[in-house]
Amino acid sequence: MKCPKCGVDDDKVLDSRGARDGAAIRRRRECASCGYRFTTYEEIDRDEVLVVKRDGTRQMFERAKLDRAIRQACGKRKISDEQIRTIIDRVVANIEGEEVQSATIAELVMSELHKVDEVAYIRFASVYRQFKDVAQFLAAITEIVKK
């Protein structure tokens, strides 16, 4: 692992422990060259899964793409990085099979966001469900208020 400060590829692991409900391993490292300490996470790679998009095209699943979409929905909300990583871990853990519909992933994300922050949920839903006007926003908000 390259040191983020000096770029040297020589470090030692000071501490390892499970993180995010066992979905990752957190490692505390120290650079042998400059002594800088940093943290890395090791997690299961789900890149072998194909995502079937609305138009029928297929793409390899990318955790980073899911992370960007969720972070955009959570922008300027009081949602911690740890909460976002937990949401992503739960979604990834629920992906089954070699192919998954993008709609299935979106529903899993919305289910997790609804538990954490309703505004982030509405933001994500507005993009996924392609809201066309204010009436669709109002219908989604009314649905949340009723629950």
N, C-alpha and C. Protein backbone atom coordinates (compact mmCIF):
# COMPACT_ATOMS: atom_id res chain seq x y z
N MET A 1 0.86 -1.17 0.00
CA MET A 1 0.00 0.00 0.00
C MET A 1 0.90 1.23 0.00
N LYS A 2 0.67 2.14 -0.95
CA LYS A 2 1.47 3.35 -1.02
C LYS A 2 1.03 4.35 0.04
N CYS A 3 1.99 5.00 0.65
CA CYS A 3 1.72 6.03 1.64
C CYS A 3 1.07 7.23 0.95
N PRO A 4 -0.07 7.72 1.47
CA PRO A 4 -0.71 8.87 0.84
C PRO A 4 0.08 10.17 0.99
N LYS A 5 1.05 10.17 1.91
CA LYS A 5 1.82 11.39 2.14
C LYS A 5 3.10 11.43 1.28
N CYS A 6 3.89 10.35 1.32
CA CYS A 6 5.17 10.37 0.62
C CYS A 6 5.22 9.45 -0.60
N GLY A 7 4.26 8.53 -0.74
CA GLY A 7 4.20 7.67 -1.91
C GLY A 7 5.05 6.42 -1.85
N VAL A 8 5.76 6.21 -0.75
CA VAL A 8 6.60 5.02 -0.62
C VAL A 8 5.70 3.79 -0.40
N ASP A 9 6.10 2.68 -1.02
CA ASP A 9 5.30 1.46 -0.97
C ASP A 9 5.84 0.51 0.10
N ASP A 10 5.97 1.02 1.32
CA ASP A 10 6.48 0.20 2.42
C ASP A 10 5.80 0.66 3.71
N ASP A 11 4.92 -0.19 4.23
CA ASP A 11 4.23 0.16 5.47
C ASP A 11 4.06 -1.08 6.32
N LYS A 12 3.63 -0.86 7.54
CA LYS A 12 3.30 -2.00 8.41
C LYS A 12 1.90 -1.79 8.98
N VAL A 13 1.23 -2.89 9.19
CA VAL A 13 -0.12 -2.84 9.74
C VAL A 13 -0.02 -2.80 11.26
N LEU A 14 -0.60 -1.79 11.87
CA LEU A 14 -0.57 -1.63 13.32
C LEU A 14 -1.76 -2.32 13.98
N ASP A 15 -2.92 -2.30 13.30
CA ASP A 15 -4.14 -2.84 13.88
C ASP A 15 -5.09 -3.27 12.77
N SER A 16 -5.75 -4.40 12.94
CA SER A 16 -6.79 -4.87 12.01
C SER A 16 -8.01 -5.23 12.81
N ARG A 17 -9.17 -4.84 12.31
CA ARG A 17 -10.42 -5.21 12.96
C ARG A 17 -11.56 -5.15 11.96
N GLY A 18 -12.60 -5.87 12.26
CA GLY A 18 -13.79 -5.86 11.42
C GLY A 18 -14.45 -4.50 11.46
N ALA A 19 -15.09 -4.15 10.36
CA ALA A 19 -15.79 -2.86 10.27
C ALA A 19 -17.08 -3.05 9.49
N ARG A 20 -17.99 -2.10 9.65
CA ARG A 20 -19.26 -2.08 8.92
C ARG A 20 -19.98 -3.42 9.01
N ASP A 21 -20.20 -3.85 10.23
CA ASP A 21 -20.94 -5.09 10.48
C ASP A 21 -20.31 -6.30 9.80
N GLY A 22 -19.00 -6.35 9.76
CA GLY A 22 -18.30 -7.49 9.19
C GLY A 22 -18.15 -7.46 7.68
N ALA A 23 -18.62 -6.41 7.03
CA ALA A 23 -18.54 -6.32 5.57
C ALA A 23 -17.17 -5.83 5.09
N ALA A 24 -16.34 -5.37 6.01
CA ALA A 24 -15.03 -4.85 5.64
C ALA A 24 -14.05 -5.08 6.78
N ILE A 25 -12.78 -4.95 6.45
CA ILE A 25 -11.72 -5.00 7.47
C ILE A 25 -11.03 -3.65 7.47
N ARG A 26 -10.93 -3.06 8.64
CA ARG A 26 -10.27 -1.76 8.81
C ARG A 26 -8.84 -2.03 9.25
N ARG A 27 -7.89 -1.47 8.54
CA ARG A 27 -6.48 -1.64 8.90
C ARG A 27 -5.83 -0.28 9.15
N ARG A 28 -5.20 -0.16 10.28
CA ARG A 28 -4.45 1.05 10.63
C ARG A 28 -3.01 0.77 10.24
N ARG A 29 -2.43 1.63 9.42
CA ARG A 29 -1.08 1.40 8.89
C ARG A 29 -0.14 2.55 9.22
N GLU A 30 1.15 2.24 9.16
CA GLU A 30 2.17 3.26 9.38
C GLU A 30 3.24 3.11 8.31
N CYS A 31 3.57 4.23 7.66
CA CYS A 31 4.59 4.24 6.62
C CYS A 31 5.96 4.02 7.26
N ALA A 32 6.74 3.10 6.70
CA ALA A 32 8.07 2.82 7.24
C ALA A 32 9.05 3.94 6.92
N SER A 33 8.76 4.74 5.90
CA SER A 33 9.67 5.80 5.48
C SER A 33 9.46 7.09 6.28
N CYS A 34 8.20 7.59 6.30
CA CYS A 34 7.98 8.91 6.93
C CYS A 34 7.22 8.82 8.26
N GLY A 35 6.72 7.64 8.61
CA GLY A 35 6.02 7.47 9.88
C GLY A 35 4.55 7.91 9.86
N TYR A 36 4.05 8.34 8.71
CA TYR A 36 2.65 8.79 8.59
C TYR A 36 1.71 7.61 8.83
N ARG A 37 0.67 7.84 9.61
CA ARG A 37 -0.31 6.80 9.89
C ARG A 37 -1.58 7.06 9.08
N PHE A 38 -2.14 5.98 8.52
CA PHE A 38 -3.35 6.10 7.73
C PHE A 38 -4.18 4.82 7.86
N THR A 39 -5.44 4.94 7.45
CA THR A 39 -6.38 3.83 7.58
C THR A 39 -6.82 3.36 6.20
N THR A 40 -6.89 2.05 6.02
CA THR A 40 -7.42 1.48 4.78
C THR A 40 -8.55 0.52 5.13
N TYR A 41 -9.41 0.28 4.14
CA TYR A 41 -10.51 -0.66 4.30
C TYR A 41 -10.41 -1.72 3.21
N GLU A 42 -10.62 -2.95 3.59
CA GLU A 42 -10.61 -4.06 2.65
C GLU A 42 -12.03 -4.64 2.64
N GLU A 43 -12.58 -4.83 1.45
CA GLU A 43 -13.95 -5.32 1.36
C GLU A 43 -14.11 -6.28 0.18
N ILE A 44 -15.20 -6.99 0.15
CA ILE A 44 -15.47 -7.94 -0.92
C ILE A 44 -15.75 -7.18 -2.21
N ASP A 45 -15.14 -7.63 -3.28
CA ASP A 45 -15.31 -7.01 -4.58
C ASP A 45 -16.45 -7.71 -5.32
N ARG A 46 -17.50 -6.97 -5.66
CA ARG A 46 -18.66 -7.55 -6.33
C ARG A 46 -18.69 -7.18 -7.81
N ASP A 47 -17.53 -6.97 -8.41
CA ASP A 47 -17.47 -6.54 -9.80
C ASP A 47 -17.92 -7.62 -10.79
N GLU A 48 -18.08 -8.86 -10.34
CA GLU A 48 -18.50 -9.90 -11.26
C GLU A 48 -20.00 -9.83 -11.59
N VAL A 49 -20.72 -8.95 -10.95
CA VAL A 49 -22.16 -8.81 -11.16
C VAL A 49 -22.42 -7.84 -12.31
N LEU A 50 -23.31 -8.22 -13.22
CA LEU A 50 -23.73 -7.35 -14.30
C LEU A 50 -25.02 -6.64 -13.92
N VAL A 51 -25.09 -5.35 -14.21
CA VAL A 51 -26.28 -4.56 -13.95
C VAL A 51 -27.01 -4.37 -15.28
N VAL A 52 -28.28 -4.76 -15.30
CA VAL A 52 -29.11 -4.60 -16.50
C VAL A 52 -29.83 -3.27 -16.38
N LYS A 53 -29.51 -2.34 -17.28
CA LYS A 53 -30.08 -0.99 -17.24
C LYS A 53 -31.49 -0.98 -17.84
N ARG A 54 -32.18 0.14 -17.71
CA ARG A 54 -33.55 0.28 -18.25
C ARG A 54 -33.64 -0.01 -19.74
N ASP A 55 -32.61 0.42 -20.47
CA ASP A 55 -32.64 0.24 -21.92
C ASP A 55 -32.16 -1.14 -22.37
N GLY A 56 -31.87 -2.01 -21.40
CA GLY A 56 -31.45 -3.37 -21.72
C GLY A 56 -29.95 -3.57 -21.81
N THR A 57 -29.18 -2.49 -21.79
CA THR A 57 -27.72 -2.63 -21.83
C THR A 57 -27.22 -3.18 -20.50
N ARG A 58 -26.05 -3.77 -20.54
CA ARG A 58 -25.46 -4.37 -19.34
C ARG A 58 -24.12 -3.70 -19.03
N GLN A 59 -23.89 -3.44 -17.75
CA GLN A 59 -22.63 -2.86 -17.30
C GLN A 59 -22.15 -3.64 -16.08
N MET A 60 -20.86 -3.66 -15.89
CA MET A 60 -20.32 -4.28 -14.68
C MET A 60 -20.72 -3.43 -13.49
N PHE A 61 -21.06 -4.09 -12.38
CA PHE A 61 -21.40 -3.37 -11.16
C PHE A 61 -20.18 -2.64 -10.67
N GLU A 62 -20.37 -1.36 -10.30
CA GLU A 62 -19.28 -0.55 -9.75
C GLU A 62 -19.73 0.06 -8.44
N ARG A 63 -19.07 -0.35 -7.37
CA ARG A 63 -19.39 0.18 -6.05
C ARG A 63 -19.19 1.70 -6.01
N ALA A 64 -18.17 2.18 -6.72
CA ALA A 64 -17.87 3.63 -6.73
C ALA A 64 -19.02 4.42 -7.35
N LYS A 65 -19.66 3.86 -8.37
CA LYS A 65 -20.78 4.54 -9.01
C LYS A 65 -21.96 4.63 -8.05
N LEU A 66 -22.21 3.56 -7.33
CA LEU A 66 -23.26 3.55 -6.32
C LEU A 66 -22.95 4.57 -5.22
N ASP A 67 -21.69 4.62 -4.81
CA ASP A 67 -21.25 5.56 -3.78
C ASP A 67 -21.50 7.00 -4.23
N ARG A 68 -21.17 7.32 -5.48
CA ARG A 68 -21.37 8.69 -6.00
C ARG A 68 -22.85 9.07 -5.99
N ALA A 69 -23.69 8.14 -6.44
CA ALA A 69 -25.13 8.42 -6.51
C ALA A 69 -25.72 8.68 -5.12
N ILE A 70 -25.30 7.87 -4.15
CA ILE A 70 -25.81 8.03 -2.79
C ILE A 70 -25.28 9.32 -2.17
N ARG A 71 -24.01 9.60 -2.37
CA ARG A 71 -23.43 10.84 -1.82
C ARG A 71 -24.08 12.07 -2.42
N GLN A 72 -24.44 12.01 -3.68
CA GLN A 72 -25.11 13.14 -4.32
C GLN A 72 -26.49 13.36 -3.68
N ALA A 73 -27.21 12.28 -3.43
CA ALA A 73 -28.53 12.39 -2.79
C ALA A 73 -28.40 12.90 -1.35
N CYS A 74 -27.29 12.57 -0.71
CA CYS A 74 -27.08 12.95 0.69
C CYS A 74 -26.35 14.28 0.85
N GLY A 75 -26.09 14.95 -0.24
CA GLY A 75 -25.35 16.21 -0.20
C GLY A 75 -25.95 17.23 0.76
N LYS A 76 -25.11 17.83 1.58
CA LYS A 76 -25.47 18.86 2.55
C LYS A 76 -26.50 18.39 3.59
N ARG A 77 -26.56 17.09 3.80
CA ARG A 77 -27.40 16.52 4.85
C ARG A 77 -26.47 16.02 5.95
N LYS A 78 -26.99 15.87 7.14
CA LYS A 78 -26.16 15.41 8.26
C LYS A 78 -26.12 13.87 8.27
N ILE A 79 -25.47 13.34 7.25
CA ILE A 79 -25.31 11.90 7.11
C ILE A 79 -23.80 11.64 7.07
N SER A 80 -23.32 10.83 7.98
CA SER A 80 -21.87 10.60 8.08
C SER A 80 -21.38 9.65 6.99
N ASP A 81 -20.07 9.69 6.76
CA ASP A 81 -19.45 8.76 5.82
C ASP A 81 -19.72 7.32 6.23
N GLU A 82 -19.68 7.07 7.51
CA GLU A 82 -19.92 5.71 8.02
C GLU A 82 -21.35 5.26 7.68
N GLN A 83 -22.32 6.15 7.82
CA GLN A 83 -23.69 5.80 7.46
C GLN A 83 -23.81 5.49 5.97
N ILE A 84 -23.15 6.28 5.15
CA ILE A 84 -23.18 6.05 3.71
C ILE A 84 -22.53 4.72 3.37
N ARG A 85 -21.38 4.43 3.97
CA ARG A 85 -20.72 3.15 3.72
C ARG A 85 -21.60 1.99 4.17
N THR A 86 -22.30 2.15 5.29
CA THR A 86 -23.20 1.11 5.78
C THR A 86 -24.34 0.88 4.80
N ILE A 87 -24.90 1.95 4.27
CA ILE A 87 -25.97 1.83 3.26
C ILE A 87 -25.46 1.04 2.06
N ILE A 88 -24.30 1.41 1.57
CA ILE A 88 -23.72 0.73 0.42
C ILE A 88 -23.46 -0.74 0.73
N ASP A 89 -22.91 -1.02 1.91
CA ASP A 89 -22.65 -2.41 2.30
C ASP A 89 -23.93 -3.24 2.33
N ARG A 90 -25.01 -2.65 2.85
CA ARG A 90 -26.28 -3.37 2.91
C ARG A 90 -26.85 -3.62 1.52
N VAL A 91 -26.73 -2.64 0.65
CA VAL A 91 -27.21 -2.82 -0.72
C VAL A 91 -26.40 -3.91 -1.43
N VAL A 92 -25.08 -3.83 -1.33
CA VAL A 92 -24.21 -4.81 -1.98
C VAL A 92 -24.49 -6.22 -1.43
N ALA A 93 -24.71 -6.32 -0.14
CA ALA A 93 -24.98 -7.63 0.47
C ALA A 93 -26.29 -8.23 -0.04
N ASN A 94 -27.23 -7.40 -0.47
CA ASN A 94 -28.52 -7.89 -0.95
C ASN A 94 -28.57 -8.13 -2.45
N ILE A 95 -27.47 -7.85 -3.15
CA ILE A 95 -27.41 -8.13 -4.58
C ILE A 95 -27.12 -9.61 -4.75
N GLU A 96 -27.99 -10.28 -5.48
CA GLU A 96 -27.84 -11.72 -5.67
C GLU A 96 -27.80 -12.05 -7.15
N GLY A 97 -27.04 -13.07 -7.49
CA GLY A 97 -26.98 -13.54 -8.86
C GLY A 97 -25.90 -12.86 -9.68
N GLU A 98 -25.77 -13.33 -10.92
CA GLU A 98 -24.76 -12.79 -11.82
C GLU A 98 -25.26 -11.53 -12.53
N GLU A 99 -26.59 -11.38 -12.62
CA GLU A 99 -27.18 -10.19 -13.21
C GLU A 99 -28.24 -9.64 -12.27
N VAL A 100 -28.30 -8.33 -12.21
CA VAL A 100 -29.31 -7.67 -11.37
C VAL A 100 -29.85 -6.46 -12.12
N GLN A 101 -31.14 -6.25 -12.02
CA GLN A 101 -31.77 -5.10 -12.65
C GLN A 101 -31.36 -3.82 -11.92
N SER A 102 -31.13 -2.75 -12.65
CA SER A 102 -30.80 -1.48 -12.01
C SER A 102 -31.94 -1.04 -11.10
N ALA A 103 -33.17 -1.39 -11.48
CA ALA A 103 -34.34 -1.04 -10.65
C ALA A 103 -34.27 -1.72 -9.29
N THR A 104 -33.76 -2.93 -9.24
CA THR A 104 -33.63 -3.65 -7.97
C THR A 104 -32.63 -2.93 -7.07
N ILE A 105 -31.52 -2.51 -7.64
CA ILE A 105 -30.50 -1.78 -6.87
C ILE A 105 -31.09 -0.47 -6.36
N ALA A 106 -31.80 0.25 -7.23
CA ALA A 106 -32.40 1.54 -6.83
C ALA A 106 -33.40 1.35 -5.70
N GLU A 107 -34.21 0.30 -5.76
CA GLU A 107 -35.18 0.04 -4.68
C GLU A 107 -34.47 -0.27 -3.37
N LEU A 108 -33.38 -1.03 -3.44
CA LEU A 108 -32.61 -1.32 -2.23
C LEU A 108 -32.03 -0.03 -1.63
N VAL A 109 -31.50 0.84 -2.48
CA VAL A 109 -30.93 2.11 -2.03
C VAL A 109 -32.02 2.96 -1.38
N MET A 110 -33.16 3.07 -2.04
CA MET A 110 -34.24 3.90 -1.50
C MET A 110 -34.74 3.35 -0.17
N SER A 111 -34.80 2.05 -0.03
CA SER A 111 -35.21 1.45 1.23
C SER A 111 -34.26 1.84 2.36
N GLU A 112 -32.96 1.79 2.07
CA GLU A 112 -31.96 2.14 3.08
C GLU A 112 -31.95 3.64 3.36
N LEU A 113 -32.07 4.47 2.33
CA LEU A 113 -32.09 5.93 2.53
C LEU A 113 -33.31 6.37 3.32
N HIS A 114 -34.43 5.72 3.08
CA HIS A 114 -35.67 6.06 3.80
C HIS A 114 -35.49 5.90 5.30
N LYS A 115 -34.69 4.91 5.71
CA LYS A 115 -34.43 4.66 7.13
C LYS A 115 -33.52 5.73 7.74
N VAL A 116 -32.67 6.32 6.91
CA VAL A 116 -31.65 7.25 7.41
C VAL A 116 -32.07 8.71 7.29
N ASP A 117 -32.59 9.10 6.12
CA ASP A 117 -32.89 10.51 5.88
C ASP A 117 -33.93 10.63 4.76
N GLU A 118 -35.07 11.19 5.10
CA GLU A 118 -36.16 11.26 4.13
C GLU A 118 -35.88 12.22 2.98
N VAL A 119 -35.13 13.28 3.24
CA VAL A 119 -34.80 14.22 2.17
C VAL A 119 -33.88 13.56 1.15
N ALA A 120 -32.88 12.83 1.64
CA ALA A 120 -31.98 12.10 0.74
C ALA A 120 -32.77 11.05 -0.05
N TYR A 121 -33.73 10.42 0.61
CA TYR A 121 -34.59 9.45 -0.06
C TYR A 121 -35.33 10.11 -1.23
N ILE A 122 -35.95 11.27 -0.99
CA ILE A 122 -36.71 11.98 -2.03
C ILE A 122 -35.77 12.39 -3.17
N ARG A 123 -34.59 12.87 -2.82
CA ARG A 123 -33.62 13.28 -3.86
C ARG A 123 -33.28 12.09 -4.76
N PHE A 124 -32.96 10.96 -4.13
CA PHE A 124 -32.59 9.78 -4.90
C PHE A 124 -33.78 9.30 -5.74
N ALA A 125 -34.95 9.25 -5.12
CA ALA A 125 -36.16 8.79 -5.81
C ALA A 125 -36.49 9.69 -7.00
N SER A 126 -36.27 10.99 -6.86
CA SER A 126 -36.61 11.91 -7.95
C SER A 126 -35.77 11.62 -9.20
N VAL A 127 -34.54 11.21 -9.01
CA VAL A 127 -33.69 10.88 -10.15
C VAL A 127 -34.05 9.49 -10.68
N TYR A 128 -34.15 8.52 -9.79
CA TYR A 128 -34.44 7.14 -10.21
C TYR A 128 -35.80 7.03 -10.88
N ARG A 129 -36.81 7.64 -10.30
CA ARG A 129 -38.17 7.54 -10.84
C ARG A 129 -38.44 8.60 -11.90
N GLN A 130 -37.45 9.44 -12.17
CA GLN A 130 -37.52 10.47 -13.21
C GLN A 130 -38.74 11.38 -13.05
N PHE A 131 -38.83 12.02 -11.88
CA PHE A 131 -39.94 12.94 -11.64
C PHE A 131 -39.95 14.00 -12.73
N LYS A 132 -41.12 14.25 -13.26
CA LYS A 132 -41.26 15.22 -14.35
C LYS A 132 -41.78 16.58 -13.88
N ASP A 133 -42.53 16.58 -12.75
CA ASP A 133 -43.08 17.84 -12.27
C ASP A 133 -43.24 17.82 -10.75
N VAL A 134 -43.67 18.94 -10.22
CA VAL A 134 -43.82 19.11 -8.78
C VAL A 134 -44.86 18.15 -8.20
N ALA A 135 -45.87 17.81 -8.98
CA ALA A 135 -46.92 16.90 -8.50
C ALA A 135 -46.34 15.54 -8.10
N GLN A 136 -45.36 15.08 -8.84
CA GLN A 136 -44.73 13.80 -8.49
C GLN A 136 -43.93 13.92 -7.19
N PHE A 137 -43.27 15.06 -7.00
CA PHE A 137 -42.57 15.31 -5.73
C PHE A 137 -43.57 15.30 -4.58
N LEU A 138 -44.67 16.02 -4.76
CA LEU A 138 -45.69 16.10 -3.71
C LEU A 138 -46.27 14.73 -3.38
N ALA A 139 -46.50 13.91 -4.39
CA ALA A 139 -47.04 12.56 -4.17
C ALA A 139 -46.05 11.73 -3.35
N ALA A 140 -44.76 11.83 -3.67
CA ALA A 140 -43.74 11.08 -2.92
C ALA A 140 -43.63 11.58 -1.48
N ILE A 141 -43.69 12.88 -1.29
CA ILE A 141 -43.62 13.45 0.05
C ILE A 141 -44.87 13.07 0.86
N THR A 142 -46.02 13.11 0.23
CA THR A 142 -47.27 12.72 0.91
C THR A 142 -47.20 11.26 1.35
N GLU A 143 -46.62 10.43 0.52
CA GLU A 143 -46.46 9.02 0.84
C GLU A 143 -45.60 8.84 2.10
N ILE A 144 -44.54 9.63 2.21
CA ILE A 144 -43.66 9.57 3.38
C ILE A 144 -44.41 10.05 4.63
N VAL A 145 -45.12 11.14 4.51
CA VAL A 145 -45.83 11.73 5.65
C VAL A 145 -46.89 10.75 6.19
N LYS A 146 -47.53 10.01 5.31
CA LYS A 146 -48.56 9.05 5.72
C LYS A 146 -47.98 7.91 6.55
N LYS A 147 -46.72 7.57 6.30
CA LYS A 147 -46.08 6.46 7.01
C LYS A 147 -45.68 6.86 8.37
